[in-house]
Structures are given as C-alpha cells and as structure tokens.
Protein backbone atom coordinates (compact mmCIF):
# COMPACT_ATOMS: atom_id res chain seq x y z
CA UNK A 1 10.26 19.08 11.71
CA UNK A 2 7.69 19.82 8.98
CA UNK A 3 10.31 20.13 6.25
CA UNK A 4 11.89 16.84 7.28
CA UNK A 5 8.50 15.09 7.25
CA UNK A 6 7.54 16.56 3.82
CA UNK A 7 10.96 15.55 2.39
CA UNK A 8 10.48 12.00 3.67
CA UNK A 9 7.02 11.82 2.11
CA UNK A 10 8.36 13.08 -1.23
CA UNK A 11 11.17 10.51 -1.29
CA UNK A 12 8.76 7.67 -0.55
CA UNK A 13 6.43 9.01 -3.26
CA UNK A 14 9.21 9.00 -5.79
CA UNK A 15 10.13 5.44 -4.95
CA UNK A 16 6.52 4.36 -5.01
CA UNK A 17 6.02 6.07 -8.41
CA UNK A 18 9.07 4.28 -9.83
CA UNK A 19 7.78 0.95 -8.48
CA UNK A 20 4.33 1.66 -9.97
CA UNK A 21 5.78 2.40 -13.46
CA UNK A 22 7.90 -0.75 -13.31
CA UNK A 23 4.95 -2.98 -12.23
CA UNK A 24 2.67 -1.40 -14.91
CA UNK A 25 5.43 -2.10 -17.52
CA UNK A 26 5.69 -5.69 -16.44
CA UNK A 27 1.90 -6.07 -16.46
CA UNK A 28 1.80 -4.62 -20.00
CA UNK A 29 4.57 -7.10 -21.12
CA UNK A 30 2.70 -10.03 -19.59
CA UNK A 31 -0.66 -9.29 -21.17
CA UNK A 32 0.91 -8.20 -24.47
CA UNK A 33 2.97 -11.34 -25.04
CA UNK A 34 1.63 -14.26 -23.02
CA UNK A 35 -1.88 -14.36 -24.53
CA UNK A 36 -0.39 -13.88 -27.99
CA UNK A 37 2.03 -16.78 -27.54
CA UNK A 38 -0.77 -18.96 -26.07
CA UNK A 39 -3.08 -18.13 -29.00
CA UNK A 40 -0.41 -18.86 -31.56
CA UNK A 41 0.21 -22.30 -29.92
CA UNK A 42 -3.41 -23.13 -30.61
CA UNK A 43 -3.05 -21.94 -34.20
CA UNK A 44 -4.78 -18.55 -33.77
CA UNK A 45 -1.96 -15.96 -34.02
CA UNK A 46 -3.06 -12.52 -32.77
CA UNK A 47 -2.54 -9.42 -34.81
CA UNK A 48 -0.40 -6.73 -33.24
CA UNK A 49 -3.43 -4.46 -32.73
CA UNK A 50 -5.40 -7.24 -31.06
CA UNK A 51 -2.48 -8.15 -28.79
CA UNK A 52 -2.16 -4.50 -27.82
CA UNK A 53 -5.90 -4.35 -27.15
CA UNK A 54 -5.63 -7.46 -24.89
CA UNK A 55 -2.77 -5.76 -23.04
CA UNK A 56 -4.75 -2.53 -22.60
CA UNK A 57 -7.71 -4.55 -21.24
CA UNK A 58 -5.41 -6.33 -18.82
CA UNK A 59 -4.09 -2.99 -17.53
CA UNK A 60 -7.62 -1.66 -17.14
CA UNK A 61 -8.78 -4.77 -15.25
CA UNK A 62 -5.77 -4.77 -12.89
CA UNK A 63 -6.18 -1.00 -12.28
CA UNK A 64 -9.89 -1.47 -11.43
CA UNK A 65 -9.04 -4.36 -9.11
CA UNK A 66 -6.35 -2.36 -7.42
CA UNK A 67 -8.58 0.58 -6.95
CA UNK A 68 -11.32 -1.64 -5.46
CA UNK A 69 -8.83 -3.18 -3.04
CA UNK A 70 -7.48 0.26 -2.05
CA UNK A 71 -11.02 1.62 -1.43
CA UNK A 72 -11.66 -1.34 0.87
CA UNK A 73 -8.52 -0.42 2.84
CA UNK A 74 -6.58 -3.40 1.61
CA UNK A 75 -3.26 -3.85 -0.07
CA UNK A 76 -0.90 -6.49 -1.28
CA UNK A 77 -1.41 -9.76 0.55
CA UNK A 78 0.67 -12.73 1.59
CA UNK A 79 0.46 -16.03 -0.21
CA UNK A 80 -1.01 -17.79 2.85
CA UNK A 81 -3.85 -15.21 2.92
CA UNK A 82 -4.74 -15.60 -0.74
CA UNK A 83 -7.43 -17.76 -2.36
CA UNK A 84 -4.63 -19.51 -4.22
CA UNK A 85 -3.16 -21.01 -1.09
CA UNK A 86 -4.25 -24.53 -0.18
CA UNK A 87 -3.24 -27.12 2.32
CA UNK A 88 -4.27 -30.74 1.61
CA UNK A 89 -2.46 -31.90 4.70
CA UNK A 90 0.48 -34.23 5.20
CA UNK A 91 -1.41 -37.26 6.40
CA UNK A 92 -0.71 -39.24 3.24
CA UNK A 93 2.13 -39.23 0.77
CA UNK A 94 -0.31 -38.62 -2.07
CA UNK A 95 -1.75 -35.46 -0.52
CA UNK A 96 1.77 -34.21 0.22
CA UNK A 97 2.87 -34.74 -3.36
CA UNK A 98 -0.27 -33.19 -4.85
CA UNK A 99 0.14 -30.21 -2.50
CA UNK A 100 3.82 -29.83 -3.53
CA UNK A 101 3.06 -29.83 -7.24
CA UNK A 102 0.01 -27.56 -6.90
CA UNK A 103 2.08 -24.95 -5.06
CA UNK A 104 4.40 -24.89 -8.06
CA UNK A 105 1.47 -23.42 -10.02
CA UNK A 106 -0.39 -21.38 -7.41
CA UNK A 107 2.78 -19.83 -5.95
CA UNK A 108 3.92 -18.12 -9.12
CA UNK A 109 0.31 -17.22 -10.01
CA UNK A 110 0.09 -15.39 -6.67
CA UNK A 111 3.38 -13.63 -7.27
CA UNK A 112 2.18 -12.47 -10.72
CA UNK A 113 -1.14 -11.24 -9.28
CA UNK A 114 0.79 -9.17 -6.73
CA UNK A 115 2.95 -7.61 -9.41
CA UNK A 116 -0.13 -6.70 -11.38
CA UNK A 117 -1.81 -5.12 -8.42
CA UNK A 118 1.31 -3.34 -7.25
CA UNK A 119 1.06 -0.93 -10.24
CA UNK A 120 -2.20 0.71 -9.20
CA UNK A 121 -1.73 0.30 -5.50
CA UNK A 122 1.64 2.04 -5.58
CA UNK A 123 0.21 4.80 -7.79
CA UNK A 124 -2.62 5.34 -5.32
CA UNK A 125 -0.06 5.38 -2.53
CA UNK A 126 1.75 8.21 -4.33
CA UNK A 127 -1.53 10.18 -4.28
CA UNK A 128 -1.89 9.55 -0.54
CA UNK A 129 1.69 10.61 0.14
CA UNK A 130 1.28 13.87 -1.84
CA UNK A 131 -2.01 14.60 -0.08
CA UNK A 132 -0.34 14.16 3.34
CA UNK A 133 2.00 17.07 2.69
CA UNK A 134 1.88 19.65 5.53
CA UNK A 135 2.13 23.31 4.47
CA UNK A 136 5.22 24.84 6.11
CA UNK A 137 5.23 28.06 8.11
CA UNK A 138 7.44 29.16 10.97
CA UNK A 139 4.41 29.74 13.22
CA UNK A 140 3.07 26.24 12.52
CA UNK A 141 6.50 24.73 13.25
CA UNK A 142 6.61 26.54 16.65
CA UNK A 143 3.06 25.42 17.52
CA UNK A 144 3.88 21.79 16.64
CA UNK A 145 7.00 21.80 18.80
CA UNK A 146 5.16 23.43 21.74
CA UNK A 147 2.27 20.99 21.55
CA UNK A 148 4.63 18.00 21.23
CA UNK A 149 6.44 19.30 24.42
CA UNK A 150 3.18 19.53 26.31
CA UNK A 151 2.13 15.99 25.32
CA UNK A 152 5.51 14.56 26.16
CA UNK A 153 5.35 16.25 29.55
CA UNK A 154 2.09 14.39 30.26
CA UNK A 155 3.41 11.04 28.98
CA UNK A 156 0.11 9.27 29.27
CA UNK A 157 -3.02 8.51 27.22
CA UNK A 158 -5.41 11.49 27.27
CA UNK A 159 -8.60 12.36 25.39
CA UNK A 160 -8.02 14.83 22.59
CA UNK A 161 -10.79 16.95 24.17
CA UNK A 162 -8.29 17.92 26.90
CA UNK A 163 -6.54 20.10 24.27
CA UNK A 164 -9.27 21.96 22.38
CA UNK A 165 -6.88 24.69 21.30
CA UNK A 166 -4.32 22.27 19.86
CA UNK A 167 -6.55 20.00 17.74
CA UNK A 168 -4.92 20.91 14.39
CA UNK A 169 -1.41 20.50 15.84
CA UNK A 170 -2.32 17.11 17.36
CA UNK A 171 -3.72 15.86 14.04
CA UNK A 172 -0.52 16.96 12.25
CA UNK A 173 1.70 15.35 14.91
CA UNK A 174 -0.27 12.16 14.54
CA UNK A 175 0.12 12.26 10.75
CA UNK A 176 3.85 12.72 11.26
CA UNK A 177 3.96 9.67 13.51
CA UNK A 178 5.29 11.69 16.51
CA UNK A 179 2.37 10.79 18.75
CA UNK A 180 0.14 7.74 19.15
CA UNK A 181 -3.50 8.28 18.21
CA UNK A 182 -6.41 5.91 19.02
CA UNK A 183 -10.05 6.28 18.26
CA UNK A 184 -10.94 2.79 19.51
CA UNK A 185 -13.10 3.88 22.52
CA UNK A 186 -15.30 6.67 21.14
CA UNK A 187 -13.37 9.84 22.03
CA UNK A 188 -9.96 9.88 20.30
CA UNK A 189 -7.08 9.48 22.70
CA UNK A 190 -3.50 10.59 22.27
CA UNK A 191 -0.13 9.93 23.85
CA UNK A 192 3.41 11.10 23.18
CA UNK A 193 6.44 9.30 24.54
CA UNK A 194 9.12 11.36 26.24
CA UNK A 195 11.76 10.20 23.65
CA UNK A 196 11.19 11.13 20.04
CA UNK A 197 10.57 7.80 18.16
CA UNK A 198 11.94 9.24 14.92
C-alpha cells in the first residue's frame, strides 16, 4: 500500500518535472525571440546579450507570479475565470462582432499566460509530491491496513478524536486518498468507504 502510493507520487512527479522543463523552455523561447523581433520591427534591433537578459527577466517574473499564485492556493485557471475574458453580449450585431474579434486576441494571450505559469507551478507541484512521500516500514504498513479496516467497518463519518491512538495512520490514509477527511466543522471528521476507491 505504501510502496504503491510512493511509486504513484514519483511517477506523477517525473511527469510534472518534464512538463515544467518544457513550459520553462517555451517561456524562454517566447521572451528571447518575440521582444527581439518586435524591437527590430521598430528599428531597434536587440543585441544577443540584451535579448537573453529580457528572456531571463521574463523567466524571473513568471516564476515569481507562479510562486505567488501557489502560495495563495491557486493554480492554472480557465479562460472564463481570467481577467482576459469578456462578454459584450449578443444584443447587437456590433457587440457580437467586436466580442468575436477580441476573443481572437485575448484567447491566445490567456493560453500563453497559462504556459508561462505552468513552468513554476508544475515545479512547485514536484516539490509537493516529493514531500508527500511516506517512509516505508513493515510495521507502518500493518498499522495502516488495520486502521483502514477499522474505519471501513464503521462506514460513517466520525470525529478523529474517536481514534486517539491512530492519528498518524489516519493522516497517512487521508494523504493516500483512502479515506475522506473533512475539517469543515471544527473537529476533523473522517470516513472510509467499505470498498477501496483506488
């Protein structure tokens, strides 16, 4: 049970790390080349060192933004939830057409912002997954199975205080997603279904 959970966390961490590297690479490419092309169009070509500095600054800004979002408990958001989304209504043909053309700009801008933020957010996710590793021991495995059996036998919501000698096991089982855990009403409550959801 513990080994399977740890293996699952490691696999997700590897995938998240690969996604983070890819998104950071795409962010670097965007900030390295797009500002340079735009500047050259206005007759101010950027030197290679300056273009690299702009790209590094873009990476720093997106990393800081991603960290701030992660600290606030957020993540990647949908287009309809973003500040770039707008709805002028469909009452008139003019509003409909303006809305249609505006979405052609704001839609890709939102997609780019999500790619930029995915780099740091996925990297922070890797850290969370590594931190959620449960140290394996045969004794801990037996205790987890025994506690899960007790909770499944009850098959109802109960306060965690009903099991003072099983607190660590309950927290591990909750981390593994094998029991439901709710702290909504003061004293944390727990429940395990009779059938293993995994």
